[in-house]
Amino acid sequence: MSSELVPIEDAEIVTESAPAGARDHHLSGETIADLNRATAESTDRAYGRWWRMALAWCEQEQRTALPMTAQTLAEFVGHLKRSTSPRTGKPYSPASLNQAVAAIRTAHFRAGFEGQPHTRAALDLIKVHRQDRAQAGWRAKRANPVTLDVLRLMLSRCDQDALSGRRDASLLVLGYGLMGRRSELSTCRIEHLTLSDAWLSVFIPMSKTDQDAQGEDVDIPRTLAPDIDAVAIVGGYLEGLAEFGATSGPLFRRIDRHGNVGDSLTGDGINYIVKKLAREAKLTDAERTTAHGLRAGGPTDAAERGVPVPFIAEHGRWSKNSTQVLTYVRPADRRRNNPLLRRD
């Protein structure tokens, strides 16, 4: 049995001479490749890890992985609930267990077992796991939001005389201004940017909530703050890239200590830069400042200014039904509408 989300036996290339009955149950290699691209690459990698883990566990426990019964799924989730992640050394979170269930369901769907396995028992176990952690006093650690005050401190650590410093400053400004995901920043291209006197516009061809790739333009005001000129910062970086002949292609690139321009930065590379700047700026709890903090900073500041949630969600490309944006908005709402706050 293959460890891929789509079993290899379903990926045979069917020739024109194959019997009609066989052709009806097979997909070509090209179609399989396109179907694999339907899920975001990062999600597909994560799903692949969970599926391989499920296959190994089923083999060890002498259980059938495909199709998997509801009981086997529940036992696997129970096993994860009592285990620690080899990658972090920490117990798996409820969110991780939910992702494992989604990965197994996706593997079954792609293999032709739509709606299997049933998840009720597994999801009940995840609910118990969440309750147990709450009773033990566990509290989710969220990335520190990079608000404007924090952004200023981090920008001060960017050497504007070096191309790498101009890149880092542009990364901070666009991450904050777009309320951007790492995947959006790492795939951003020079030709996606339009600079004008008052605005910096960025075309996002596809995002997590735009899997159909309709694309959209996101407008960032030139003056993010009186002392932060987004157009000047990004424009300076583009001029530096142009000196190396880079007038199209990936926006954020590797730059070595000699100033040579390389290939595109990955999401992990972007995260490394943000964490490095946080340490250099001597931020409190700098280790909790990540690239996701750039995505969190914009909505945090917007909520403080009283911007309605739908406008924040639309700008940051959150799903209309997503509650994630509320995790940034609610703290500001609680402070602004605190019943004990004196207003006289």
C-alpha atoms as a PDB file:
ATOM      1  CA  MET A   1       0.000   0.000   0.000  1.00  0.00           C
ATOM      2  CA  SER A   2       1.378   3.446  -0.921  1.00  0.00           C
ATOM      3  CA  SER A   3       2.058   6.116   1.671  1.00  0.00           C
ATOM      4  CA  GLU A   4       0.711   8.794  -0.670  1.00  0.00           C
ATOM      5  CA  LEU A   5      -2.712  10.367  -0.225  1.00  0.00           C
ATOM      6  CA  VAL A   6      -3.705   8.881  -3.575  1.00  0.00           C
ATOM      7  CA  PRO A   7      -2.691   5.194  -3.678  1.00  0.00           C
ATOM      8  CA  ILE A   8      -0.326   4.436  -6.545  1.00  0.00           C
ATOM      9  CA  GLU A   9      -2.586   1.686  -7.890  1.00  0.00           C
ATOM     10  CA  ASP A  10      -5.155   4.372  -8.742  1.00  0.00           C
ATOM     11  CA  ALA A  11      -2.579   6.423 -10.657  1.00  0.00           C
ATOM     12  CA  GLU A  12      -1.920   4.046 -13.549  1.00  0.00           C
ATOM     13  CA  ILE A  13      -1.776   5.675 -16.944  1.00  0.00           C
ATOM     14  CA  VAL A  14      -4.554   4.154 -19.028  1.00  0.00           C
ATOM     15  CA  THR A  15      -3.780   3.556 -22.695  1.00  0.00           C
ATOM     16  CA  GLU A  16      -6.226   3.870 -25.548  1.00  0.00           C
ATOM     17  CA  SER A  17      -6.257   0.073 -25.947  1.00  0.00           C
ATOM     18  CA  ALA A  18      -7.316  -0.639 -22.370  1.00  0.00           C
ATOM     19  CA  PRO A  19     -10.708  -2.344 -21.900  1.00  0.00           C
ATOM     20  CA  ALA A  20     -13.569   0.054 -21.265  1.00  0.00           C
ATOM     21  CA  GLY A  21     -14.258  -1.380 -17.818  1.00  0.00           C
ATOM     22  CA  ALA A  22     -10.678  -0.802 -16.711  1.00  0.00           C
ATOM     23  CA  ARG A  23     -10.621   2.703 -18.098  1.00  0.00           C
ATOM     24  CA  ASP A  24     -13.668   3.657 -16.053  1.00  0.00           C
ATOM     25  CA  HIS A  25     -11.805   3.103 -12.785  1.00  0.00           C
ATOM     26  CA  HIS A  26      -8.427   4.688 -13.482  1.00  0.00           C
ATOM     27  CA  LEU A  27      -6.980   8.168 -13.653  1.00  0.00           C
ATOM     28  CA  SER A  28      -4.060   9.219 -15.821  1.00  0.00           C
ATOM     29  CA  GLY A  29      -0.806  10.339 -14.249  1.00  0.00           C
ATOM     30  CA  GLU A  30      -1.449  13.885 -15.452  1.00  0.00           C
ATOM     31  CA  THR A  31      -4.886  13.990 -13.816  1.00  0.00           C
ATOM     32  CA  ILE A  32      -3.518  12.569 -10.567  1.00  0.00           C
ATOM     33  CA  ALA A  33      -0.833  15.260 -10.567  1.00  0.00           C
ATOM     34  CA  ASP A  34      -3.447  17.989 -11.069  1.00  0.00           C
ATOM     35  CA  LEU A  35      -5.666  16.563  -8.324  1.00  0.00           C
ATOM     36  CA  ASN A  36      -2.725  16.553  -5.931  1.00  0.00           C
ATOM     37  CA  ARG A  37      -2.296  20.268  -6.632  1.00  0.00           C
ATOM     38  CA  ALA A  38      -5.905  20.977  -5.596  1.00  0.00           C
ATOM     39  CA  THR A  39      -4.786  21.029  -1.970  1.00  0.00           C
ATOM     40  CA  ALA A  40      -2.311  23.685  -0.836  1.00  0.00           C
ATOM     41  CA  GLU A  41       1.245  22.320  -0.926  1.00  0.00           C
ATOM     42  CA  SER A  42       1.840  22.934   2.785  1.00  0.00           C
ATOM     43  CA  THR A  43      -1.442  21.235   3.682  1.00  0.00           C
ATOM     44  CA  ASP A  44      -0.625  18.310   1.405  1.00  0.00           C
ATOM     45  CA  ARG A  45       2.755  17.841   3.089  1.00  0.00           C
ATOM     46  CA  ALA A  46       1.145  17.885   6.539  1.00  0.00           C
ATOM     47  CA  TYR A  47      -1.588  15.478   5.432  1.00  0.00           C
ATOM     48  CA  GLY A  48       1.049  13.192   3.952  1.00  0.00           C
ATOM     49  CA  ARG A  49       2.909  13.037   7.280  1.00  0.00           C
ATOM     50  CA  TRP A  50      -0.259  12.102   9.179  1.00  0.00           C
ATOM     51  CA  TRP A  51      -1.231   9.483   6.603  1.00  0.00           C
ATOM     52  CA  ARG A  52       2.185   7.849   6.745  1.00  0.00           C
ATOM     53  CA  MET A  53       1.953   7.836  10.528  1.00  0.00           C
ATOM     54  CA  ALA A  54      -1.496   6.222  10.362  1.00  0.00           C
ATOM     55  CA  LEU A  55      -0.241   3.548   7.941  1.00  0.00           C
ATOM     56  CA  ALA A  56       2.720   2.703  10.197  1.00  0.00           C
ATOM     57  CA  TRP A  57       0.509   2.524  13.294  1.00  0.00           C
ATOM     58  CA  CYS A  58      -2.057   0.310  11.561  1.00  0.00           C
ATOM     59  CA  GLU A  59       0.672  -2.044  10.406  1.00  0.00           C
ATOM     60  CA  GLN A  60       2.068  -2.233  13.933  1.00  0.00           C
ATOM     61  CA  GLU A  61      -1.370  -2.850  15.425  1.00  0.00           C
ATOM     62  CA  GLN A  62      -2.376  -5.260  12.648  1.00  0.00           C
ATOM     63  CA  ARG A  63      -5.323  -3.110  11.636  1.00  0.00           C
ATOM     64  CA  THR A  64      -6.593  -2.219   8.171  1.00  0.00           C
ATOM     65  CA  ALA A  65      -5.714   1.317   7.141  1.00  0.00           C
ATOM     66  CA  LEU A  66      -7.712   1.563   3.919  1.00  0.00           C
ATOM     67  CA  PRO A  67     -10.608   1.539   4.268  1.00  0.00           C
ATOM     68  CA  MET A  68     -10.309   2.344   7.969  1.00  0.00           C
ATOM     69  CA  THR A  69     -13.133   1.614  10.398  1.00  0.00           C
ATOM     70  CA  ALA A  70     -14.463   4.199  12.824  1.00  0.00           C
ATOM     71  CA  GLN A  71     -13.073   2.107  15.671  1.00  0.00           C
ATOM     72  CA  THR A  72      -9.578   2.066  14.198  1.00  0.00           C
ATOM     73  CA  LEU A  73      -9.689   5.815  13.645  1.00  0.00           C
ATOM     74  CA  ALA A  74     -10.763   6.332  17.266  1.00  0.00           C
ATOM     75  CA  GLU A  75      -7.955   4.091  18.523  1.00  0.00           C
ATOM     76  CA  PHE A  76      -5.414   5.952  16.403  1.00  0.00           C
ATOM     77  CA  VAL A  77      -6.610   9.307  17.755  1.00  0.00           C
ATOM     78  CA  GLY A  78      -6.460   7.868  21.272  1.00  0.00           C
ATOM     79  CA  HIS A  79      -2.892   6.776  20.580  1.00  0.00           C
ATOM     80  CA  LEU A  80      -1.987  10.294  19.415  1.00  0.00           C
ATOM     81  CA  LYS A  81      -3.715  11.795  22.451  1.00  0.00           C
ATOM     82  CA  ARG A  82      -1.334   9.851  24.702  1.00  0.00           C
ATOM     83  CA  SER A  83       1.758  10.517  22.558  1.00  0.00           C
ATOM     84  CA  THR A  84       4.247  13.307  22.040  1.00  0.00           C
ATOM     85  CA  SER A  85       5.306  14.740  18.714  1.00  0.00           C
ATOM     86  CA  PRO A  86       8.765  13.583  17.589  1.00  0.00           C
ATOM     87  CA  ARG A  87       9.199  16.975  15.932  1.00  0.00           C
ATOM     88  CA  THR A  88       8.516  19.132  19.018  1.00  0.00           C
ATOM     89  CA  GLY A  89       8.783  16.708  21.933  1.00  0.00           C
ATOM     90  CA  LYS A  90       5.437  18.029  23.188  1.00  0.00           C
ATOM     91  CA  PRO A  91       1.996  16.349  23.419  1.00  0.00           C
ATOM     92  CA  TYR A  92      -0.148  16.672  20.323  1.00  0.00           C
ATOM     93  CA  SER A  93      -2.656  19.507  20.488  1.00  0.00           C
ATOM     94  CA  PRO A  94      -6.377  19.092  19.691  1.00  0.00           C
ATOM     95  CA  ALA A  95      -5.778  21.073  16.501  1.00  0.00           C
ATOM     96  CA  SER A  96      -3.126  18.541  15.454  1.00  0.00           C
ATOM     97  CA  LEU A  97      -5.506  15.659  16.090  1.00  0.00           C
ATOM     98  CA  ASN A  98      -8.186  17.373  14.025  1.00  0.00           C
ATOM     99  CA  GLN A  99      -5.676  17.693  11.192  1.00  0.00           C
ATOM    100  CA  ALA A 100      -4.825  13.986  11.486  1.00  0.00           C
ATOM    101  CA  VAL A 101      -8.505  13.084  11.108  1.00  0.00           C
ATOM    102  CA  ALA A 102      -8.817  15.412   8.100  1.00  0.00           C
ATOM    103  CA  ALA A 103      -5.743  13.808   6.512  1.00  0.00           C
ATOM    104  CA  ILE A 104      -7.161  10.310   6.898  1.00  0.00           C
ATOM    105  CA  ARG A 105     -10.518  11.358   5.481  1.00  0.00           C
ATOM    106  CA  THR A 106      -8.763  13.016   2.541  1.00  0.00           C
ATOM    107  CA  ALA A 107      -6.728   9.875   1.854  1.00  0.00           C
ATOM    108  CA  HIS A 108      -9.941   7.843   1.825  1.00  0.00           C
ATOM    109  CA  PHE A 109     -11.727  10.302  -0.458  1.00  0.00           C
ATOM    110  CA  ARG A 110      -8.876  10.239  -2.966  1.00  0.00           C
ATOM    111  CA  ALA A 111      -8.814   6.451  -2.858  1.00  0.00           C
ATOM    112  CA  GLY A 112     -12.526   6.240  -3.664  1.00  0.00           C
ATOM    113  CA  PHE A 113     -13.880   5.749  -0.124  1.00  0.00           C
ATOM    114  CA  GLU A 114     -15.864   8.954   0.162  1.00  0.00           C
ATOM    115  CA  GLY A 115     -17.337   9.652   3.620  1.00  0.00           C
ATOM    116  CA  GLN A 116     -15.107   7.099   5.348  1.00  0.00           C
ATOM    117  CA  PRO A 117     -14.188   6.504   8.054  1.00  0.00           C
ATOM    118  CA  HIS A 118     -16.915   7.816  10.343  1.00  0.00           C
ATOM    119  CA  THR A 119     -15.455  10.376  12.726  1.00  0.00           C
ATOM    120  CA  ARG A 120     -17.944  10.801  15.582  1.00  0.00           C
ATOM    121  CA  ALA A 121     -15.987   8.730  18.142  1.00  0.00           C
ATOM    122  CA  ALA A 122     -12.650  10.250  17.106  1.00  0.00           C
ATOM    123  CA  LEU A 123     -13.990  13.795  17.389  1.00  0.00           C
ATOM    124  CA  ASP A 124     -15.445  13.024  20.826  1.00  0.00           C
ATOM    125  CA  LEU A 125     -11.968  11.913  21.920  1.00  0.00           C
ATOM    126  CA  ILE A 126     -10.514  15.185  20.659  1.00  0.00           C
ATOM    127  CA  LYS A 127     -13.177  17.045  22.658  1.00  0.00           C
ATOM    128  CA  VAL A 128     -12.132  15.129  25.788  1.00  0.00           C
ATOM    129  CA  HIS A 129      -8.491  15.938  25.032  1.00  0.00           C
ATOM    130  CA  ARG A 130      -9.338  19.633  24.853  1.00  0.00           C
ATOM    131  CA  GLN A 131     -11.241  19.454  28.166  1.00  0.00           C
ATOM    132  CA  ASP A 132      -8.391  17.609  29.891  1.00  0.00           C
ATOM    133  CA  ARG A 133      -5.883  20.222  28.793  1.00  0.00           C
ATOM    134  CA  ALA A 134      -8.132  23.056  29.987  1.00  0.00           C
ATOM    135  CA  GLN A 135      -8.545  21.449  33.404  1.00  0.00           C
ATOM    136  CA  ALA A 136      -4.766  21.031  33.635  1.00  0.00           C
ATOM    137  CA  GLY A 137      -4.381  24.775  33.179  1.00  0.00           C
ATOM    138  CA  TRP A 138      -3.024  24.593  29.648  1.00  0.00           C
ATOM    139  CA  ARG A 139      -3.411  27.770  27.644  1.00  0.00           C
ATOM    140  CA  ALA A 140      -2.677  28.214  23.963  1.00  0.00           C
ATOM    141  CA  LYS A 141       0.416  30.278  23.221  1.00  0.00           C
ATOM    142  CA  ARG A 142      -0.210  32.614  20.353  1.00  0.00           C
ATOM    143  CA  ALA A 143       2.376  34.467  18.348  1.00  0.00           C
ATOM    144  CA  ASN A 144       2.958  37.995  19.581  1.00  0.00           C
ATOM    145  CA  PRO A 145       1.173  40.436  17.250  1.00  0.00           C
ATOM    146  CA  VAL A 146       3.570  42.765  15.446  1.00  0.00           C
ATOM    147  CA  THR A 147       1.664  45.996  16.011  1.00  0.00           C
ATOM    148  CA  LEU A 148       2.900  49.362  14.736  1.00  0.00           C
ATOM    149  CA  ASP A 149       4.972  50.029  17.853  1.00  0.00           C
ATOM    150  CA  VAL A 150       6.685  46.659  17.484  1.00  0.00           C
ATOM    151  CA  LEU A 151       7.026  47.142  13.730  1.00  0.00           C
ATOM    152  CA  ARG A 152       8.965  50.373  14.310  1.00  0.00           C
ATOM    153  CA  LEU A 153      11.434  48.627  16.607  1.00  0.00           C
ATOM    154  CA  MET A 154      12.006  45.827  14.097  1.00  0.00           C
ATOM    155  CA  LEU A 155      12.338  48.246  11.167  1.00  0.00           C
ATOM    156  CA  SER A 156      15.056  50.063  13.096  1.00  0.00           C
ATOM    157  CA  ARG A 157      17.158  46.882  12.870  1.00  0.00           C
ATOM    158  CA  CYS A 158      17.021  46.812   9.065  1.00  0.00           C
ATOM    159  CA  ASP A 159      20.144  48.226   7.394  1.00  0.00           C
ATOM    160  CA  GLN A 160      18.773  50.337   4.555  1.00  0.00           C
ATOM    161  CA  ASP A 161      22.247  50.603   3.015  1.00  0.00           C
ATOM    162  CA  ALA A 162      22.277  46.835   2.374  1.00  0.00           C
ATOM    163  CA  LEU A 163      19.958  45.069  -0.055  1.00  0.00           C
ATOM    164  CA  SER A 164      19.229  42.397   2.566  1.00  0.00           C
ATOM    165  CA  GLY A 165      18.163  45.122   4.989  1.00  0.00           C
ATOM    166  CA  ARG A 166      15.849  46.679   2.417  1.00  0.00           C
ATOM    167  CA  ARG A 167      14.425  43.216   1.740  1.00  0.00           C
ATOM    168  CA  ASP A 168      13.788  42.647   5.439  1.00  0.00           C
ATOM    169  CA  ALA A 169      12.107  46.047   5.830  1.00  0.00           C
ATOM    170  CA  SER A 170       9.883  45.342   2.815  1.00  0.00           C
ATOM    171  CA  LEU A 171       9.006  41.953   4.250  1.00  0.00           C
ATOM    172  CA  LEU A 172       7.900  43.557   7.517  1.00  0.00           C
ATOM    173  CA  VAL A 173       5.874  46.284   5.795  1.00  0.00           C
ATOM    174  CA  LEU A 174       4.128  43.942   3.361  1.00  0.00           C
ATOM    175  CA  GLY A 175       3.527  41.266   5.997  1.00  0.00           C
ATOM    176  CA  TYR A 176       1.869  43.829   8.247  1.00  0.00           C
ATOM    177  CA  GLY A 177       0.088  45.741   5.470  1.00  0.00           C
ATOM    178  CA  LEU A 178      -1.289  42.640   3.759  1.00  0.00           C
ATOM    179  CA  MET A 179      -2.045  40.889   7.057  1.00  0.00           C
ATOM    180  CA  GLY A 180      -0.210  38.270   5.069  1.00  0.00           C
ATOM    181  CA  ARG A 181       0.306  34.563   5.415  1.00  0.00           C
ATOM    182  CA  ARG A 182       3.842  33.219   5.013  1.00  0.00           C
ATOM    183  CA  SER A 183       2.718  31.342   1.905  1.00  0.00           C
ATOM    184  CA  GLU A 184       1.446  34.573   0.338  1.00  0.00           C
ATOM    185  CA  LEU A 185       4.687  36.403   1.086  1.00  0.00           C
ATOM    186  CA  SER A 186       6.923  33.604  -0.168  1.00  0.00           C
ATOM    187  CA  THR A 187       5.017  33.372  -3.476  1.00  0.00           C
ATOM    188  CA  CYS A 188       4.694  37.126  -4.007  1.00  0.00           C
ATOM    189  CA  ARG A 189       6.266  38.256  -7.294  1.00  0.00           C
ATOM    190  CA  ILE A 190       7.708  41.585  -8.368  1.00  0.00           C
ATOM    191  CA  GLU A 191       5.128  41.926 -11.134  1.00  0.00           C
ATOM    192  CA  HIS A 192       2.347  41.622  -8.537  1.00  0.00           C
ATOM    193  CA  LEU A 193       3.225  45.045  -7.074  1.00  0.00           C
ATOM    194  CA  THR A 194       1.914  48.435  -8.201  1.00  0.00           C
ATOM    195  CA  LEU A 195       3.307  51.564  -6.533  1.00  0.00           C
ATOM    196  CA  SER A 196       1.596  54.948  -6.729  1.00  0.00           C
ATOM    197  CA  ASP A 197       1.741  58.253  -4.868  1.00  0.00           C
ATOM    198  CA  ALA A 198      -0.785  57.212  -2.252  1.00  0.00           C
ATOM    199  CA  TRP A 199      -1.043  53.417  -2.374  1.00  0.00           C
ATOM    200  CA  LEU A 200       0.915  50.201  -2.632  1.00  0.00           C
ATOM    201  CA  SER A 201      -1.233  47.567  -4.334  1.00  0.00           C
ATOM    202  CA  VAL A 202      -0.402  43.864  -4.262  1.00  0.00           C
ATOM    203  CA  PHE A 203      -2.108  41.249  -6.399  1.00  0.00           C
ATOM    204  CA  ILE A 204      -2.671  37.994  -4.480  1.00  0.00           C
ATOM    205  CA  PRO A 205      -3.267  35.367  -7.202  1.00  0.00           C
ATOM    206  CA  MET A 206      -4.334  32.661  -4.753  1.00  0.00           C
ATOM    207  CA  SER A 207      -4.658  32.258  -1.010  1.00  0.00           C
ATOM    208  CA  LYS A 208      -5.826  29.728   1.532  1.00  0.00           C
ATOM    209  CA  THR A 209      -9.393  31.021   1.208  1.00  0.00           C
ATOM    210  CA  ASP A 210      -9.156  31.429  -2.579  1.00  0.00           C
ATOM    211  CA  GLN A 211      -8.279  27.921  -3.722  1.00  0.00           C
ATOM    212  CA  ASP A 212     -10.102  28.571  -7.011  1.00  0.00           C
ATOM    213  CA  ALA A 213      -7.423  31.198  -7.728  1.00  0.00           C
ATOM    214  CA  GLN A 214      -9.783  34.052  -8.562  1.00  0.00           C
ATOM    215  CA  GLY A 215      -7.146  36.433  -7.246  1.00  0.00           C
ATOM    216  CA  GLU A 216      -7.578  39.863  -5.683  1.00  0.00           C
ATOM    217  CA  ASP A 217      -5.803  43.191  -5.277  1.00  0.00           C
ATOM    218  CA  VAL A 218      -5.001  44.316  -1.752  1.00  0.00           C
ATOM    219  CA  ASP A 219      -4.373  48.027  -1.217  1.00  0.00           C
ATOM    220  CA  ILE A 220      -1.949  49.245   1.438  1.00  0.00           C
ATOM    221  CA  PRO A 221      -1.897  52.983   2.211  1.00  0.00           C
ATOM    222  CA  ARG A 222       1.466  54.614   1.568  1.00  0.00           C
ATOM    223  CA  THR A 223       1.478  56.086   5.052  1.00  0.00           C
ATOM    224  CA  LEU A 224       1.108  53.118   7.380  1.00  0.00           C
ATOM    225  CA  ALA A 225       2.086  55.591  10.091  1.00  0.00           C
ATOM    226  CA  PRO A 226       3.496  59.136   9.917  1.00  0.00           C
ATOM    227  CA  ASP A 227       7.003  57.676  10.112  1.00  0.00           C
ATOM    228  CA  ILE A 228       6.467  54.543   7.956  1.00  0.00           C
ATOM    229  CA  ASP A 229       6.345  55.134   4.200  1.00  0.00           C
ATOM    230  CA  ALA A 230       5.410  51.768   2.678  1.00  0.00           C
ATOM    231  CA  VAL A 231       5.966  52.925  -0.929  1.00  0.00           C
ATOM    232  CA  ALA A 232       9.433  54.317  -0.179  1.00  0.00           C
ATOM    233  CA  ILE A 233      10.508  51.173   1.696  1.00  0.00           C
ATOM    234  CA  VAL A 234       9.313  48.702  -0.919  1.00  0.00           C
ATOM    235  CA  GLY A 235      10.342  50.960  -3.809  1.00  0.00           C
ATOM    236  CA  GLY A 236      13.887  51.132  -2.447  1.00  0.00           C
ATOM    237  CA  TYR A 237      14.082  47.345  -2.338  1.00  0.00           C
ATOM    238  CA  LEU A 238      12.752  47.039  -5.908  1.00  0.00           C
ATOM    239  CA  GLU A 239      15.420  49.475  -7.104  1.00  0.00           C
ATOM    240  CA  GLY A 240      18.076  47.357  -5.418  1.00  0.00           C
ATOM    241  CA  LEU A 241      16.773  44.185  -7.066  1.00  0.00           C
ATOM    242  CA  ALA A 242      16.725  45.911 -10.454  1.00  0.00           C
ATOM    243  CA  GLU A 243      20.445  46.663 -10.115  1.00  0.00           C
ATOM    244  CA  PHE A 244      20.949  42.885 -10.114  1.00  0.00           C
ATOM    245  CA  GLY A 245      18.713  42.490 -13.156  1.00  0.00           C
ATOM    246  CA  ALA A 246      15.769  41.205 -11.123  1.00  0.00           C
ATOM    247  CA  THR A 247      12.742  43.051 -12.503  1.00  0.00           C
ATOM    248  CA  SER A 248      10.357  40.093 -12.432  1.00  0.00           C
ATOM    249  CA  GLY A 249       9.989  36.829 -10.595  1.00  0.00           C
ATOM    250  CA  PRO A 250      10.054  36.160  -6.839  1.00  0.00           C
ATOM    251  CA  LEU A 251       9.991  39.289  -4.691  1.00  0.00           C
ATOM    252  CA  PHE A 252      11.601  37.951  -1.531  1.00  0.00           C
ATOM    253  CA  ARG A 253      14.882  36.226  -2.304  1.00  0.00           C
ATOM    254  CA  ARG A 254      17.899  34.840  -0.551  1.00  0.00           C
ATOM    255  CA  ILE A 255      20.723  37.365  -0.303  1.00  0.00           C
ATOM    256  CA  ASP A 256      24.133  36.193   0.871  1.00  0.00           C
ATOM    257  CA  ARG A 257      26.561  38.184   3.015  1.00  0.00           C
ATOM    258  CA  HIS A 258      28.220  39.516  -0.134  1.00  0.00           C
ATOM    259  CA  GLY A 259      24.917  40.923  -1.375  1.00  0.00           C
ATOM    260  CA  ASN A 260      24.419  38.373  -4.117  1.00  0.00           C
ATOM    261  CA  VAL A 261      20.774  37.673  -4.974  1.00  0.00           C
ATOM    262  CA  GLY A 262      19.601  34.060  -5.020  1.00  0.00           C
ATOM    263  CA  ASP A 263      16.372  32.150  -5.361  1.00  0.00           C
ATOM    264  CA  SER A 264      13.031  32.613  -3.596  1.00  0.00           C
ATOM    265  CA  LEU A 265      12.732  32.587   0.181  1.00  0.00           C
ATOM    266  CA  THR A 266      10.608  29.793   1.647  1.00  0.00           C
ATOM    267  CA  GLY A 267       8.039  30.306   4.361  1.00  0.00           C
ATOM    268  CA  ASP A 268      10.569  29.002   6.874  1.00  0.00           C
ATOM    269  CA  GLY A 269      13.139  31.477   5.585  1.00  0.00           C
ATOM    270  CA  ILE A 270      10.681  34.321   6.078  1.00  0.00           C
ATOM    271  CA  ASN A 271       9.945  33.130   9.598  1.00  0.00           C
ATOM    272  CA  TYR A 272      13.674  33.005  10.370  1.00  0.00           C
ATOM    273  CA  ILE A 273      14.132  36.638   9.304  1.00  0.00           C
ATOM    274  CA  VAL A 274      11.231  37.842  11.453  1.00  0.00           C
ATOM    275  CA  LYS A 275      12.506  35.973  14.512  1.00  0.00           C
ATOM    276  CA  LYS A 276      16.051  37.296  13.945  1.00  0.00           C
ATOM    277  CA  LEU A 277      14.811  40.886  13.758  1.00  0.00           C
ATOM    278  CA  ALA A 278      12.713  40.376  16.901  1.00  0.00           C
ATOM    279  CA  ARG A 279      15.803  39.209  18.802  1.00  0.00           C
ATOM    280  CA  GLU A 280      17.928  42.064  17.461  1.00  0.00           C
ATOM    281  CA  ALA A 281      15.223  44.566  18.475  1.00  0.00           C
ATOM    282  CA  LYS A 282      15.343  43.010  21.976  1.00  0.00           C
ATOM    283  CA  LEU A 283      11.588  42.526  22.047  1.00  0.00           C
ATOM    284  CA  THR A 284      10.065  41.124  25.210  1.00  0.00           C
ATOM    285  CA  ASP A 285       9.502  37.403  24.662  1.00  0.00           C
ATOM    286  CA  ALA A 286      11.124  37.685  21.221  1.00  0.00           C
ATOM    287  CA  GLU A 287      10.994  33.912  20.715  1.00  0.00           C
ATOM    288  CA  ARG A 288       7.214  34.137  20.445  1.00  0.00           C
ATOM    289  CA  THR A 289       7.469  36.676  17.635  1.00  0.00           C
ATOM    290  CA  THR A 290       7.083  34.884  14.314  1.00  0.00           C
ATOM    291  CA  ALA A 291       5.994  35.670  10.772  1.00  0.00           C
ATOM    292  CA  HIS A 292       2.433  34.984  11.903  1.00  0.00           C
ATOM    293  CA  GLY A 293       2.793  37.989  14.197  1.00  0.00           C
ATOM    294  CA  LEU A 294       2.813  40.192  11.094  1.00  0.00           C
ATOM    295  CA  ARG A 295      -0.555  38.733  10.101  1.00  0.00           C
ATOM    296  CA  ALA A 296      -1.860  39.327  13.630  1.00  0.00           C
ATOM    297  CA  GLY A 297      -0.540  42.867  14.022  1.00  0.00           C
ATOM    298  CA  GLY A 298      -2.701  44.572  11.400  1.00  0.00           C
ATOM    299  CA  PRO A 299      -6.059  43.334  12.707  1.00  0.00           C
ATOM    300  CA  THR A 300      -4.995  44.054  16.296  1.00  0.00           C
ATOM    301  CA  ASP A 301      -4.279  47.692  15.454  1.00  0.00           C
ATOM    302  CA  ALA A 302      -7.388  47.953  13.263  1.00  0.00           C
ATOM    303  CA  ALA A 303      -9.592  46.629  16.072  1.00  0.00           C
ATOM    304  CA  GLU A 304      -8.107  49.213  18.449  1.00  0.00           C
ATOM    305  CA  ARG A 305      -9.191  51.890  15.973  1.00  0.00           C
ATOM    306  CA  GLY A 306     -12.705  50.435  15.851  1.00  0.00           C
ATOM    307  CA  VAL A 307     -12.595  49.113  12.270  1.00  0.00           C
ATOM    308  CA  PRO A 308     -15.565  46.719  11.737  1.00  0.00           C
ATOM    309  CA  VAL A 309     -14.669  43.024  11.671  1.00  0.00           C
ATOM    310  CA  PRO A 310     -15.983  42.344   8.132  1.00  0.00           C
ATOM    311  CA  PHE A 311     -13.559  44.895   6.675  1.00  0.00           C
ATOM    312  CA  ILE A 312     -10.639  43.414   8.626  1.00  0.00           C
ATOM    313  CA  ALA A 313     -11.565  39.889   7.537  1.00  0.00           C
ATOM    314  CA  GLU A 314     -11.881  40.902   3.875  1.00  0.00           C
ATOM    315  CA  HIS A 315      -8.536  42.702   3.850  1.00  0.00           C
ATOM    316  CA  GLY A 316      -6.745  39.767   5.498  1.00  0.00           C
ATOM    317  CA  ARG A 317      -8.453  37.164   3.313  1.00  0.00           C
ATOM    318  CA  TRP A 318     -10.067  35.316   6.176  1.00  0.00           C
ATOM    319  CA  SER A 319     -13.083  33.189   5.373  1.00  0.00           C
ATOM    320  CA  LYS A 320     -16.417  34.841   6.137  1.00  0.00           C
ATOM    321  CA  ASN A 321     -17.131  31.997   8.535  1.00  0.00           C
ATOM    322  CA  SER A 322     -13.700  32.025  10.179  1.00  0.00           C
ATOM    323  CA  THR A 323     -13.458  32.791  13.876  1.00  0.00           C
ATOM    324  CA  GLN A 324      -9.666  33.201  13.728  1.00  0.00           C
ATOM    325  CA  VAL A 325      -9.812  36.936  13.069  1.00  0.00           C
ATOM    326  CA  LEU A 326     -11.872  37.328  16.245  1.00  0.00           C
ATOM    327  CA  THR A 327      -8.904  36.172  18.331  1.00  0.00           C
ATOM    328  CA  TYR A 328      -7.233  39.469  17.375  1.00  0.00           C
ATOM    329  CA  VAL A 329     -10.345  41.639  17.598  1.00  0.00           C
ATOM    330  CA  ARG A 330     -11.840  40.454  20.897  1.00  0.00           C
ATOM    331  CA  PRO A 331      -9.041  41.714  23.190  1.00  0.00           C
ATOM    332  CA  ALA A 332      -9.480  45.241  21.803  1.00  0.00           C
ATOM    333  CA  ASP A 333     -13.277  44.979  22.115  1.00  0.00           C
ATOM    334  CA  ARG A 334     -12.992  43.774  25.707  1.00  0.00           C
ATOM    335  CA  ARG A 335     -10.835  46.730  26.670  1.00  0.00           C
ATOM    336  CA  ARG A 336     -12.893  49.291  24.759  1.00  0.00           C
ATOM    337  CA  ASN A 337     -16.211  48.001  26.144  1.00  0.00           C
ATOM    338  CA  ASN A 338     -15.019  47.009  29.614  1.00  0.00           C
ATOM    339  CA  PRO A 339     -17.975  47.601  31.995  1.00  0.00           C
ATOM    340  CA  LEU A 340     -15.619  48.857  34.726  1.00  0.00           C
ATOM    341  CA  LEU A 341     -13.982  51.491  32.540  1.00  0.00           C
ATOM    342  CA  ARG A 342     -14.814  54.986  33.761  1.00  0.00           C
ATOM    343  CA  ARG A 343     -16.070  57.276  31.035  1.00  0.00           C
ATOM    344  CA  ASP A 344     -16.511  60.522  32.946  1.00  0.00           C
END
